[in-house]
Amino acid sequence: MEFVHQPVQWESFPKVGTPLTGVLPEQPIWTPLFTAIPPERVGLNGEYDYEGLAKRVAAQLHQSLKAEDICDLQVLQRGKVVILKGIVPNEIVLQQVIEVASQVSGATAVEIGRVAFPNA
């Protein structure tokens, strides 16, 4: 096979600022993967936040429960799953925490395997 080098004919290229014909200008060059922020990634103020669900759950817990009942509780997330870690005073408070966390938009499950009671 023989390769033949042909010189570029610059005259055939459109000049800068000339509209291209045969191209759909309405079509974006790239298409975004998401047109909206996934619910588990929405931050406290509606912005994208990788840990948005955990932050919104923590904020809702602070509004709904006594601060001393949840001061040793950490809220994490793995995707749409809320992970609770730490100490709560009793099972009643734990049930309240689970109820509040599960009602936050984007939460599909609540893991409590790392929650303990004092002196347990």
PDB file of N, CA and C in Angstrom:
ATOM      1  N   MET A   1       0.846  -1.165   0.000  1.00  0.00           N
ATOM      2  CA  MET A   1       0.000   0.000   0.000  1.00  0.00           C
ATOM      3  C   MET A   1       0.894   1.232   0.000  1.00  0.00           C
ATOM      4  N   GLU A   2       0.526   2.163  -0.790  1.00  0.00           N
ATOM      5  CA  GLU A   2       1.334   3.361  -0.939  1.00  0.00           C
ATOM      6  C   GLU A   2       0.546   4.565  -0.446  1.00  0.00           C
ATOM      7  N   PHE A   3       1.182   5.390   0.396  1.00  0.00           N
ATOM      8  CA  PHE A   3       0.556   6.597   0.899  1.00  0.00           C
ATOM      9  C   PHE A   3       1.006   7.772   0.065  1.00  0.00           C
ATOM     10  N   VAL A   4       0.034   8.578  -0.325  1.00  0.00           N
ATOM     11  CA  VAL A   4       0.329   9.756  -1.123  1.00  0.00           C
ATOM     12  C   VAL A   4      -0.048  10.973  -0.291  1.00  0.00           C
ATOM     13  N   HIS A   5       0.899  11.855  -0.097  1.00  0.00           N
ATOM     14  CA  HIS A   5       0.649  13.079   0.654  1.00  0.00           C
ATOM     15  C   HIS A   5       0.126  14.135  -0.302  1.00  0.00           C
ATOM     16  N   GLN A   6      -1.063  14.643   0.064  1.00  0.00           N
ATOM     17  CA  GLN A   6      -1.626  15.707  -0.750  1.00  0.00           C
ATOM     18  C   GLN A   6      -1.630  16.978   0.091  1.00  0.00           C
ATOM     19  N   PRO A   7      -1.200  18.068  -0.454  1.00  0.00           N
ATOM     20  CA  PRO A   7      -1.179  19.317   0.307  1.00  0.00           C
ATOM     21  C   PRO A   7      -2.605  19.767   0.657  1.00  0.00           C
ATOM     22  N   VAL A   8      -2.725  20.411   1.803  1.00  0.00           N
ATOM     23  CA  VAL A   8      -4.017  20.921   2.259  1.00  0.00           C
ATOM     24  C   VAL A   8      -4.370  22.153   1.443  1.00  0.00           C
ATOM     25  N   GLN A   9      -5.602  22.184   1.007  1.00  0.00           N
ATOM     26  CA  GLN A   9      -6.054  23.346   0.254  1.00  0.00           C
ATOM     27  C   GLN A   9      -6.854  24.221   1.212  1.00  0.00           C
ATOM     28  N   TRP A  10      -6.193  25.214   1.766  1.00  0.00           N
ATOM     29  CA  TRP A  10      -6.788  26.064   2.789  1.00  0.00           C
ATOM     30  C   TRP A  10      -7.982  26.844   2.281  1.00  0.00           C
ATOM     31  N   GLU A  11      -8.069  27.045   1.008  1.00  0.00           N
ATOM     32  CA  GLU A  11      -9.188  27.798   0.451  1.00  0.00           C
ATOM     33  C   GLU A  11     -10.503  27.054   0.655  1.00  0.00           C
ATOM     34  N   SER A  12     -10.444  25.722   0.798  1.00  0.00           N
ATOM     35  CA  SER A  12     -11.680  24.948   0.939  1.00  0.00           C
ATOM     36  C   SER A  12     -12.248  25.009   2.364  1.00  0.00           C
ATOM     37  N   PHE A  13     -11.461  25.473   3.347  1.00  0.00           N
ATOM     38  CA  PHE A  13     -11.937  25.599   4.722  1.00  0.00           C
ATOM     39  C   PHE A  13     -12.692  26.909   4.872  1.00  0.00           C
ATOM     40  N   PRO A  14     -13.765  26.918   5.667  1.00  0.00           N
ATOM     41  CA  PRO A  14     -14.488  28.178   5.873  1.00  0.00           C
ATOM     42  C   PRO A  14     -13.660  29.159   6.689  1.00  0.00           C
ATOM     43  N   LYS A  15     -13.871  30.415   6.426  1.00  0.00           N
ATOM     44  CA  LYS A  15     -13.165  31.449   7.158  1.00  0.00           C
ATOM     45  C   LYS A  15     -13.775  31.591   8.552  1.00  0.00           C
ATOM     46  N   VAL A  16     -13.007  32.096   9.503  1.00  0.00           N
ATOM     47  CA  VAL A  16     -13.467  32.285  10.867  1.00  0.00           C
ATOM     48  C   VAL A  16     -14.694  33.198  10.870  1.00  0.00           C
ATOM     49  N   GLY A  17     -15.721  32.793  11.592  1.00  0.00           N
ATOM     50  CA  GLY A  17     -16.944  33.581  11.685  1.00  0.00           C
ATOM     51  C   GLY A  17     -17.978  33.214  10.638  1.00  0.00           C
ATOM     52  N   THR A  18     -17.615  32.376   9.672  1.00  0.00           N
ATOM     53  CA  THR A  18     -18.558  31.949   8.645  1.00  0.00           C
ATOM     54  C   THR A  18     -19.428  30.830   9.208  1.00  0.00           C
ATOM     55  N   PRO A  19     -20.765  30.941   9.114  1.00  0.00           N
ATOM     56  CA  PRO A  19     -21.616  29.867   9.614  1.00  0.00           C
ATOM     57  C   PRO A  19     -21.389  28.593   8.817  1.00  0.00           C
ATOM     58  N   LEU A  20     -21.370  27.486   9.527  1.00  0.00           N
ATOM     59  CA  LEU A  20     -21.192  26.211   8.860  1.00  0.00           C
ATOM     60  C   LEU A  20     -22.527  25.732   8.320  1.00  0.00           C
ATOM     61  N   THR A  21     -22.515  25.203   7.121  1.00  0.00           N
ATOM     62  CA  THR A  21     -23.742  24.672   6.545  1.00  0.00           C
ATOM     63  C   THR A  21     -23.755  23.167   6.755  1.00  0.00           C
ATOM     64  N   GLY A  22     -24.943  22.628   6.896  1.00  0.00           N
ATOM     65  CA  GLY A  22     -25.066  21.188   7.089  1.00  0.00           C
ATOM     66  C   GLY A  22     -24.874  20.751   8.538  1.00  0.00           C
ATOM     67  N   VAL A  23     -24.697  21.710   9.447  1.00  0.00           N
ATOM     68  CA  VAL A  23     -24.539  21.389  10.864  1.00  0.00           C
ATOM     69  C   VAL A  23     -25.778  21.886  11.594  1.00  0.00           C
ATOM     70  N   LEU A  24     -26.290  21.077  12.524  1.00  0.00           N
ATOM     71  CA  LEU A  24     -27.464  21.488  13.277  1.00  0.00           C
ATOM     72  C   LEU A  24     -27.029  22.371  14.433  1.00  0.00           C
ATOM     73  N   PRO A  25     -27.209  23.685  14.342  1.00  0.00           N
ATOM     74  CA  PRO A  25     -26.744  24.572  15.406  1.00  0.00           C
ATOM     75  C   PRO A  25     -27.533  24.404  16.710  1.00  0.00           C
ATOM     76  N   GLU A  26     -28.761  23.866  16.631  1.00  0.00           N
ATOM     77  CA  GLU A  26     -29.563  23.694  17.838  1.00  0.00           C
ATOM     78  C   GLU A  26     -29.046  22.550  18.707  1.00  0.00           C
ATOM     79  N   GLN A  27     -28.300  21.640  18.139  1.00  0.00           N
ATOM     80  CA  GLN A  27     -27.803  20.488  18.878  1.00  0.00           C
ATOM     81  C   GLN A  27     -26.581  20.884  19.694  1.00  0.00           C
ATOM     82  N   PRO A  28     -26.580  20.575  21.002  1.00  0.00           N
ATOM     83  CA  PRO A  28     -25.386  20.882  21.795  1.00  0.00           C
ATOM     84  C   PRO A  28     -24.220  19.999  21.372  1.00  0.00           C
ATOM     85  N   ILE A  29     -23.026  20.512  21.562  1.00  0.00           N
ATOM     86  CA  ILE A  29     -21.837  19.753  21.208  1.00  0.00           C
ATOM     87  C   ILE A  29     -21.728  18.527  22.111  1.00  0.00           C
ATOM     88  N   TRP A  30     -22.112  18.678  23.375  1.00  0.00           N
ATOM     89  CA  TRP A  30     -22.106  17.560  24.327  1.00  0.00           C
ATOM     90  C   TRP A  30     -23.436  17.547  25.048  1.00  0.00           C
ATOM     91  N   THR A  31     -23.825  16.394  25.499  1.00  0.00           N
ATOM     92  CA  THR A  31     -25.075  16.253  26.234  1.00  0.00           C
ATOM     93  C   THR A  31     -24.751  15.967  27.685  1.00  0.00           C
ATOM     94  N   PRO A  32     -25.285  16.744  28.610  1.00  0.00           N
ATOM     95  CA  PRO A  32     -25.000  16.475  30.023  1.00  0.00           C
ATOM     96  C   PRO A  32     -25.585  15.134  30.442  1.00  0.00           C
ATOM     97  N   LEU A  33     -24.905  14.474  31.370  1.00  0.00           N
ATOM     98  CA  LEU A  33     -25.356  13.177  31.853  1.00  0.00           C
ATOM     99  C   LEU A  33     -26.658  13.326  32.629  1.00  0.00           C
ATOM    100  N   PHE A  34     -26.748  14.363  33.454  1.00  0.00           N
ATOM    101  CA  PHE A  34     -27.958  14.617  34.229  1.00  0.00           C
ATOM    102  C   PHE A  34     -28.538  15.955  33.816  1.00  0.00           C
ATOM    103  N   THR A  35     -29.848  15.988  33.689  1.00  0.00           N
ATOM    104  CA  THR A  35     -30.479  17.273  33.434  1.00  0.00           C
ATOM    105  C   THR A  35     -30.937  17.899  34.743  1.00  0.00           C
ATOM    106  N   ALA A  36     -30.975  17.090  35.804  1.00  0.00           N
ATOM    107  CA  ALA A  36     -31.315  17.584  37.137  1.00  0.00           C
ATOM    108  C   ALA A  36     -30.383  16.914  38.143  1.00  0.00           C
ATOM    109  N   ILE A  37     -30.250  17.512  39.297  1.00  0.00           N
ATOM    110  CA  ILE A  37     -29.393  16.949  40.342  1.00  0.00           C
ATOM    111  C   ILE A  37     -30.132  15.769  40.969  1.00  0.00           C
ATOM    112  N   PRO A  38     -29.477  14.610  41.096  1.00  0.00           N
ATOM    113  CA  PRO A  38     -30.116  13.476  41.773  1.00  0.00           C
ATOM    114  C   PRO A  38     -30.479  13.873  43.205  1.00  0.00           C
ATOM    115  N   PRO A  39     -31.614  13.397  43.737  1.00  0.00           N
ATOM    116  CA  PRO A  39     -32.074  13.835  45.058  1.00  0.00           C
ATOM    117  C   PRO A  39     -31.060  13.621  46.174  1.00  0.00           C
ATOM    118  N   GLU A  40     -30.273  12.568  46.089  1.00  0.00           N
ATOM    119  CA  GLU A  40     -29.291  12.307  47.151  1.00  0.00           C
ATOM    120  C   GLU A  40     -28.086  13.238  47.078  1.00  0.00           C
ATOM    121  N   ARG A  41     -27.969  14.011  46.014  1.00  0.00           N
ATOM    122  CA  ARG A  41     -26.840  14.930  45.837  1.00  0.00           C
ATOM    123  C   ARG A  41     -27.245  16.399  45.953  1.00  0.00           C
ATOM    124  N   VAL A  42     -28.469  16.657  46.337  1.00  0.00           N
ATOM    125  CA  VAL A  42     -28.933  18.041  46.510  1.00  0.00           C
ATOM    126  C   VAL A  42     -28.479  18.544  47.869  1.00  0.00           C
ATOM    127  N   GLY A  43     -27.829  19.685  47.881  1.00  0.00           N
ATOM    128  CA  GLY A  43     -27.314  20.267  49.114  1.00  0.00           C
ATOM    129  C   GLY A  43     -28.372  21.020  49.898  1.00  0.00           C
ATOM    130  N   LEU A  44     -27.935  21.660  50.954  1.00  0.00           N
ATOM    131  CA  LEU A  44     -28.843  22.381  51.851  1.00  0.00           C
ATOM    132  C   LEU A  44     -29.583  23.516  51.161  1.00  0.00           C
ATOM    133  N   ASN A  45     -28.960  24.115  50.155  1.00  0.00           N
ATOM    134  CA  ASN A  45     -29.571  25.252  49.459  1.00  0.00           C
ATOM    135  C   ASN A  45     -29.942  24.936  48.018  1.00  0.00           C
ATOM    136  N   GLY A  46     -30.092  23.650  47.705  1.00  0.00           N
ATOM    137  CA  GLY A  46     -30.479  23.252  46.353  1.00  0.00           C
ATOM    138  C   GLY A  46     -29.331  23.090  45.381  1.00  0.00           C
ATOM    139  N   GLU A  47     -28.109  23.329  45.828  1.00  0.00           N
ATOM    140  CA  GLU A  47     -26.933  23.193  44.962  1.00  0.00           C
ATOM    141  C   GLU A  47     -26.479  21.730  44.920  1.00  0.00           C
ATOM    142  N   TYR A  48     -25.614  21.390  43.956  1.00  0.00           N
ATOM    143  CA  TYR A  48     -25.053  20.044  43.916  1.00  0.00           C
ATOM    144  C   TYR A  48     -24.085  19.886  45.079  1.00  0.00           C
ATOM    145  N   ASP A  49     -24.249  18.798  45.822  1.00  0.00           N
ATOM    146  CA  ASP A  49     -23.361  18.489  46.937  1.00  0.00           C
ATOM    147  C   ASP A  49     -23.270  16.977  47.034  1.00  0.00           C
ATOM    148  N   TYR A  50     -22.065  16.444  46.898  1.00  0.00           N
ATOM    149  CA  TYR A  50     -21.871  14.988  46.918  1.00  0.00           C
ATOM    150  C   TYR A  50     -22.404  14.373  48.204  1.00  0.00           C
ATOM    151  N   GLU A  51     -22.329  15.077  49.311  1.00  0.00           N
ATOM    152  CA  GLU A  51     -22.817  14.595  50.599  1.00  0.00           C
ATOM    153  C   GLU A  51     -24.098  15.313  51.023  1.00  0.00           C
ATOM    154  N   GLY A  52     -24.862  15.756  50.046  1.00  0.00           N
ATOM    155  CA  GLY A  52     -26.060  16.546  50.308  1.00  0.00           C
ATOM    156  C   GLY A  52     -27.092  15.843  51.159  1.00  0.00           C
ATOM    157  N   LEU A  53     -27.346  14.567  50.899  1.00  0.00           N
ATOM    158  CA  LEU A  53     -28.357  13.847  51.668  1.00  0.00           C
ATOM    159  C   LEU A  53     -27.981  13.807  53.146  1.00  0.00           C
ATOM    160  N   ALA A  54     -26.749  13.472  53.455  1.00  0.00           N
ATOM    161  CA  ALA A  54     -26.307  13.412  54.857  1.00  0.00           C
ATOM    162  C   ALA A  54     -26.442  14.774  55.524  1.00  0.00           C
ATOM    163  N   LYS A  55     -26.098  15.832  54.825  1.00  0.00           N
ATOM    164  CA  LYS A  55     -26.198  17.172  55.408  1.00  0.00           C
ATOM    165  C   LYS A  55     -27.647  17.576  55.648  1.00  0.00           C
ATOM    166  N   ARG A  56     -28.534  17.199  54.714  1.00  0.00           N
ATOM    167  CA  ARG A  56     -29.947  17.542  54.887  1.00  0.00           C
ATOM    168  C   ARG A  56     -30.576  16.725  56.010  1.00  0.00           C
ATOM    169  N   VAL A  57     -30.181  15.455  56.139  1.00  0.00           N
ATOM    170  CA  VAL A  57     -30.676  14.629  57.240  1.00  0.00           C
ATOM    171  C   VAL A  57     -30.205  15.210  58.571  1.00  0.00           C
ATOM    172  N   ALA A  58     -28.923  15.555  58.665  1.00  0.00           N
ATOM    173  CA  ALA A  58     -28.386  16.131  59.908  1.00  0.00           C
ATOM    174  C   ALA A  58     -29.123  17.421  60.267  1.00  0.00           C
ATOM    175  N   ALA A  59     -29.384  18.269  59.287  1.00  0.00           N
ATOM    176  CA  ALA A  59     -30.099  19.523  59.550  1.00  0.00           C
ATOM    177  C   ALA A  59     -31.514  19.245  60.039  1.00  0.00           C
ATOM    178  N   GLN A  60     -32.173  18.272  59.430  1.00  0.00           N
ATOM    179  CA  GLN A  60     -33.538  17.932  59.841  1.00  0.00           C
ATOM    180  C   GLN A  60     -33.554  17.326  61.247  1.00  0.00           C
ATOM    181  N   LEU A  61     -32.544  16.531  61.587  1.00  0.00           N
ATOM    182  CA  LEU A  61     -32.448  15.964  62.936  1.00  0.00           C
ATOM    183  C   LEU A  61     -32.275  17.068  63.977  1.00  0.00           C
ATOM    184  N   HIS A  62     -31.445  18.049  63.673  1.00  0.00           N
ATOM    185  CA  HIS A  62     -31.213  19.159  64.608  1.00  0.00           C
ATOM    186  C   HIS A  62     -32.471  20.009  64.803  1.00  0.00           C
ATOM    187  N   GLN A  63     -33.319  20.069  63.771  1.00  0.00           N
ATOM    188  CA  GLN A  63     -34.576  20.811  63.898  1.00  0.00           C
ATOM    189  C   GLN A  63     -35.626  20.009  64.663  1.00  0.00           C
ATOM    190  N   SER A  64     -35.603  18.686  64.518  1.00  0.00           N
ATOM    191  CA  SER A  64     -36.686  17.849  65.039  1.00  0.00           C
ATOM    192  C   SER A  64     -36.434  17.275  66.430  1.00  0.00           C
ATOM    193  N   LEU A  65     -35.182  17.088  66.813  1.00  0.00           N
ATOM    194  CA  LEU A  65     -34.857  16.416  68.075  1.00  0.00           C
ATOM    195  C   LEU A  65     -34.041  17.317  68.987  1.00  0.00           C
ATOM    196  N   LYS A  66     -33.954  16.927  70.233  1.00  0.00           N
ATOM    197  CA  LYS A  66     -33.145  17.679  71.194  1.00  0.00           C
ATOM    198  C   LYS A  66     -31.669  17.522  70.847  1.00  0.00           C
ATOM    199  N   ALA A  67     -30.936  18.594  70.948  1.00  0.00           N
ATOM    200  CA  ALA A  67     -29.509  18.573  70.611  1.00  0.00           C
ATOM    201  C   ALA A  67     -28.741  17.583  71.471  1.00  0.00           C
ATOM    202  N   GLU A  68     -29.077  17.484  72.752  1.00  0.00           N
ATOM    203  CA  GLU A  68     -28.340  16.566  73.636  1.00  0.00           C
ATOM    204  C   GLU A  68     -28.607  15.103  73.295  1.00  0.00           C
ATOM    205  N   ASP A  69     -29.725  14.803  72.618  1.00  0.00           N
ATOM    206  CA  ASP A  69     -30.025  13.417  72.239  1.00  0.00           C
ATOM    207  C   ASP A  69     -29.227  12.954  71.027  1.00  0.00           C
ATOM    208  N   ILE A  70     -28.804  13.892  70.210  1.00  0.00           N
ATOM    209  CA  ILE A  70     -28.108  13.512  68.973  1.00  0.00           C
ATOM    210  C   ILE A  70     -26.695  14.072  68.875  1.00  0.00           C
ATOM    211  N   CYS A  71     -26.175  14.615  69.973  1.00  0.00           N
ATOM    212  CA  CYS A  71     -24.857  15.252  69.916  1.00  0.00           C
ATOM    213  C   CYS A  71     -23.735  14.251  69.625  1.00  0.00           C
ATOM    214  N   ASP A  72     -23.936  12.970  69.933  1.00  0.00           N
ATOM    215  CA  ASP A  72     -22.914  11.947  69.670  1.00  0.00           C
ATOM    216  C   ASP A  72     -23.254  11.096  68.452  1.00  0.00           C
ATOM    217  N   LEU A  73     -24.118  11.604  67.597  1.00  0.00           N
ATOM    218  CA  LEU A  73     -24.552  10.859  66.411  1.00  0.00           C
ATOM    219  C   LEU A  73     -23.957  11.489  65.158  1.00  0.00           C
ATOM    220  N   GLN A  74     -23.388  10.669  64.328  1.00  0.00           N
ATOM    221  CA  GLN A  74     -22.816  11.128  63.063  1.00  0.00           C
ATOM    222  C   GLN A  74     -23.692  10.617  61.925  1.00  0.00           C
ATOM    223  N   VAL A  75     -23.938  11.457  60.930  1.00  0.00           N
ATOM    224  CA  VAL A  75     -24.760  11.081  59.777  1.00  0.00           C
ATOM    225  C   VAL A  75     -23.869  11.033  58.550  1.00  0.00           C
ATOM    226  N   LEU A  76     -23.860   9.884  57.902  1.00  0.00           N
ATOM    227  CA  LEU A  76     -23.083   9.676  56.681  1.00  0.00           C
ATOM    228  C   LEU A  76     -24.041   9.203  55.594  1.00  0.00           C
ATOM    229  N   GLN A  77     -23.521   9.061  54.408  1.00  0.00           N
ATOM    230  CA  GLN A  77     -24.338   8.512  53.334  1.00  0.00           C
ATOM    231  C   GLN A  77     -23.497   7.677  52.386  1.00  0.00           C
ATOM    232  N   ARG A  78     -24.152   6.686  51.798  1.00  0.00           N
ATOM    233  CA  ARG A  78     -23.576   5.893  50.717  1.00  0.00           C
ATOM    234  C   ARG A  78     -24.645   5.873  49.629  1.00  0.00           C
ATOM    235  N   GLY A  79     -24.494   6.770  48.670  1.00  0.00           N
ATOM    236  CA  GLY A  79     -25.534   6.921  47.659  1.00  0.00           C
ATOM    237  C   GLY A  79     -26.812   7.420  48.298  1.00  0.00           C
ATOM    238  N   LYS A  80     -27.894   6.639  48.157  1.00  0.00           N
ATOM    239  CA  LYS A  80     -29.194   7.015  48.716  1.00  0.00           C
ATOM    240  C   LYS A  80     -29.418   6.446  50.112  1.00  0.00           C
ATOM    241  N   VAL A  81     -28.426   5.763  50.662  1.00  0.00           N
ATOM    242  CA  VAL A  81     -28.548   5.142  51.976  1.00  0.00           C
ATOM    243  C   VAL A  81     -27.959   6.064  53.039  1.00  0.00           C
ATOM    244  N   VAL A  82     -28.755   6.345  54.077  1.00  0.00           N
ATOM    245  CA  VAL A  82     -28.303   7.142  55.215  1.00  0.00           C
ATOM    246  C   VAL A  82     -27.665   6.183  56.214  1.00  0.00           C
ATOM    247  N   ILE A  83     -26.467   6.501  56.669  1.00  0.00           N
ATOM    248  CA  ILE A  83     -25.746   5.669  57.635  1.00  0.00           C
ATOM    249  C   ILE A  83     -25.604   6.460  58.929  1.00  0.00           C
ATOM    250  N   LEU A  84     -26.121   5.879  60.001  1.00  0.00           N
ATOM    251  CA  LEU A  84     -26.032   6.507  61.319  1.00  0.00           C
ATOM    252  C   LEU A  84     -24.940   5.821  62.119  1.00  0.00           C
ATOM    253  N   LYS A  85     -24.151   6.628  62.809  1.00  0.00           N
ATOM    254  CA  LYS A  85     -23.004   6.104  63.560  1.00  0.00           C
ATOM    255  C   LYS A  85     -22.864   6.907  64.844  1.00  0.00           C
ATOM    256  N   GLY A  86     -22.758   6.209  65.977  1.00  0.00           N
ATOM    257  CA  GLY A  86     -22.558   6.909  67.232  1.00  0.00           C
ATOM    258  C   GLY A  86     -23.440   6.389  68.337  1.00  0.00           C
ATOM    259  N   ILE A  87     -23.776   7.282  69.269  1.00  0.00           N
ATOM    260  CA  ILE A  87     -24.524   6.906  70.464  1.00  0.00           C
ATOM    261  C   ILE A  87     -25.786   7.755  70.564  1.00  0.00           C
ATOM    262  N   VAL A  88     -26.909   7.086  70.846  1.00  0.00           N
ATOM    263  CA  VAL A  88     -28.160   7.770  71.165  1.00  0.00           C
ATOM    264  C   VAL A  88     -28.609   7.280  72.540  1.00  0.00           C
ATOM    265  N   PRO A  89     -29.370   8.093  73.281  1.00  0.00           N
ATOM    266  CA  PRO A  89     -29.695   7.745  74.666  1.00  0.00           C
ATOM    267  C   PRO A  89     -30.522   6.474  74.840  1.00  0.00           C
ATOM    268  N   ASN A  90     -31.469   6.224  73.896  1.00  0.00           N
ATOM    269  CA  ASN A  90     -32.332   5.053  74.059  1.00  0.00           C
ATOM    270  C   ASN A  90     -32.985   4.682  72.737  1.00  0.00           C
ATOM    271  N   GLU A  91     -33.768   3.612  72.776  1.00  0.00           N
ATOM    272  CA  GLU A  91     -34.391   3.100  71.566  1.00  0.00           C
ATOM    273  C   GLU A  91     -35.493   4.031  71.042  1.00  0.00           C
ATOM    274  N   ILE A  92     -36.137   4.751  71.917  1.00  0.00           N
ATOM    275  CA  ILE A  92     -37.172   5.697  71.485  1.00  0.00           C
ATOM    276  C   ILE A  92     -36.561   6.795  70.620  1.00  0.00           C
ATOM    277  N   VAL A  93     -35.439   7.336  71.060  1.00  0.00           N
ATOM    278  CA  VAL A  93     -34.745   8.377  70.270  1.00  0.00           C
ATOM    279  C   VAL A  93     -34.265   7.783  68.947  1.00  0.00           C
ATOM    280  N   LEU A  94     -33.763   6.560  68.984  1.00  0.00           N
ATOM    281  CA  LEU A  94     -33.304   5.908  67.746  1.00  0.00           C
ATOM    282  C   LEU A  94     -34.461   5.785  66.757  1.00  0.00           C
ATOM    283  N   GLN A  95     -35.636   5.396  67.218  1.00  0.00           N
ATOM    284  CA  GLN A  95     -36.798   5.287  66.332  1.00  0.00           C
ATOM    285  C   GLN A  95     -37.169   6.648  65.743  1.00  0.00           C
ATOM    286  N   GLN A  96     -37.074   7.695  66.548  1.00  0.00           N
ATOM    287  CA  GLN A  96     -37.360   9.047  66.055  1.00  0.00           C
ATOM    288  C   GLN A  96     -36.347   9.460  64.988  1.00  0.00           C
ATOM    289  N   VAL A  97     -35.076   9.129  65.231  1.00  0.00           N
ATOM    290  CA  VAL A  97     -34.012   9.451  64.265  1.00  0.00           C
ATOM    291  C   VAL A  97     -34.268   8.727  62.947  1.00  0.00           C
ATOM    292  N   ILE A  98     -34.613   7.450  63.033  1.00  0.00           N
ATOM    293  CA  ILE A  98     -34.884   6.666  61.819  1.00  0.00           C
ATOM    294  C   ILE A  98     -36.063   7.264  61.054  1.00  0.00           C
ATOM    295  N   GLU A  99     -37.105   7.639  61.766  1.00  0.00           N
ATOM    296  CA  GLU A  99     -38.288   8.211  61.122  1.00  0.00           C
ATOM    297  C   GLU A  99     -37.962   9.515  60.409  1.00  0.00           C
ATOM    298  N   VAL A 100     -37.230  10.395  61.081  1.00  0.00           N
ATOM    299  CA  VAL A 100     -36.853  11.676  60.466  1.00  0.00           C
ATOM    300  C   VAL A 100     -35.954  11.440  59.255  1.00  0.00           C
ATOM    301  N   ALA A 101     -34.941  10.595  59.400  1.00  0.00           N
ATOM    302  CA  ALA A 101     -33.983  10.350  58.306  1.00  0.00           C
ATOM    303  C   ALA A 101     -34.659   9.736  57.091  1.00  0.00           C
ATOM    304  N   SER A 102     -35.586   8.828  57.314  1.00  0.00           N
ATOM    305  CA  SER A 102     -36.231   8.153  56.187  1.00  0.00           C
ATOM    306  C   SER A 102     -37.191   9.055  55.424  1.00  0.00           C
ATOM    307  N   GLN A 103     -37.611  10.157  56.019  1.00  0.00           N
ATOM    308  CA  GLN A 103     -38.535  11.074  55.350  1.00  0.00           C
ATOM    309  C   GLN A 103     -37.834  12.146  54.522  1.00  0.00           C
ATOM    310  N   VAL A 104     -36.518  12.231  54.602  1.00  0.00           N
ATOM    311  CA  VAL A 104     -35.787  13.234  53.829  1.00  0.00           C
ATOM    312  C   VAL A 104     -35.722  12.784  52.368  1.00  0.00           C
ATOM    313  N   SER A 105     -35.983  13.692  51.461  1.00  0.00           N
ATOM    314  CA  SER A 105     -35.990  13.389  50.029  1.00  0.00           C
ATOM    315  C   SER A 105     -34.647  12.812  49.581  1.00  0.00           C
ATOM    316  N   GLY A 106     -34.711  11.676  48.900  1.00  0.00           N
ATOM    317  CA  GLY A 106     -33.502  11.036  48.397  1.00  0.00           C
ATOM    318  C   GLY A 106     -33.076   9.831  49.208  1.00  0.00           C
ATOM    319  N   ALA A 107     -33.574   9.702  50.429  1.00  0.00           N
ATOM    320  CA  ALA A 107     -33.199   8.570  51.287  1.00  0.00           C
ATOM    321  C   ALA A 107     -34.053   7.354  50.946  1.00  0.00           C
ATOM    322  N   THR A 108     -33.407   6.232  50.683  1.00  0.00           N
ATOM    323  CA  THR A 108     -34.136   4.999  50.395  1.00  0.00           C
ATOM    324  C   THR A 108     -33.996   3.979  51.518  1.00  0.00           C
ATOM    325  N   ALA A 109     -33.001   4.142  52.383  1.00  0.00           N
ATOM    326  CA  ALA A 109     -32.790   3.218  53.501  1.00  0.00           C
ATOM    327  C   ALA A 109     -31.987   3.934  54.582  1.00  0.00           C
ATOM    328  N   VAL A 110     -32.090   3.398  55.807  1.00  0.00           N
ATOM    329  CA  VAL A 110     -31.343   3.946  56.937  1.00  0.00           C
ATOM    330  C   VAL A 110     -30.629   2.789  57.620  1.00  0.00           C
ATOM    331  N   GLU A 111     -29.306   2.844  57.664  1.00  0.00           N
ATOM    332  CA  GLU A 111     -28.504   1.821  58.340  1.00  0.00           C
ATOM    333  C   GLU A 111     -28.223   2.260  59.773  1.00  0.00           C
ATOM    334  N   ILE A 112     -28.465   1.359  60.738  1.00  0.00           N
ATOM    335  CA  ILE A 112     -28.265   1.698  62.146  1.00  0.00           C
ATOM    336  C   ILE A 112     -27.282   0.750  62.828  1.00  0.00           C
ATOM    337  N   GLY A 113     -26.566  -0.042  62.073  1.00  0.00           N
ATOM    338  CA  GLY A 113     -25.662  -1.039  62.618  1.00  0.00           C
ATOM    339  C   GLY A 113     -24.531  -0.468  63.468  1.00  0.00           C
ATOM    340  N   ARG A 114     -24.224   0.788  63.295  1.00  0.00           N
ATOM    341  CA  ARG A 114     -23.131   1.417  64.043  1.00  0.00           C
ATOM    342  C   ARG A 114     -23.635   2.350  65.149  1.00  0.00           C
ATOM    343  N   VAL A 115     -24.912   2.192  65.509  1.00  0.00           N
ATOM    344  CA  VAL A 115     -25.486   3.008  66.578  1.00  0.00           C
ATOM    345  C   VAL A 115     -25.533   2.166  67.844  1.00  0.00           C
ATOM    346  N   ALA A 116     -25.149   2.775  68.954  1.00  0.00           N
ATOM    347  CA  ALA A 116     -25.158   2.095  70.248  1.00  0.00           C
ATOM    348  C   ALA A 116     -25.888   2.948  71.272  1.00  0.00           C
ATOM    349  N   PHE A 117     -26.229   2.309  72.377  1.00  0.00           N
ATOM    350  CA  PHE A 117     -26.831   3.001  73.523  1.00  0.00           C
ATOM    351  C   PHE A 117     -25.779   3.133  74.603  1.00  0.00           C
ATOM    352  N   PRO A 118     -25.884   4.130  75.451  1.00  0.00           N
ATOM    353  CA  PRO A 118     -24.892   4.280  76.526  1.00  0.00           C
ATOM    354  C   PRO A 118     -24.909   3.037  77.427  1.00  0.00           C
ATOM    355  N   ASN A 119     -23.708   2.682  77.897  1.00  0.00           N
ATOM    356  CA  ASN A 119     -23.552   1.522  78.791  1.00  0.00           C
ATOM    357  C   ASN A 119     -24.039   0.220  78.173  1.00  0.00           C
ATOM    358  N   ALA A 120     -23.987   0.138  76.854  1.00  0.00           N
ATOM    359  CA  ALA A 120     -24.424  -1.105  76.208  1.00  0.00           C
ATOM    360  C   ALA A 120     -23.232  -1.915  75.755  1.00  0.00           C
TER     361      ALA A 120
END
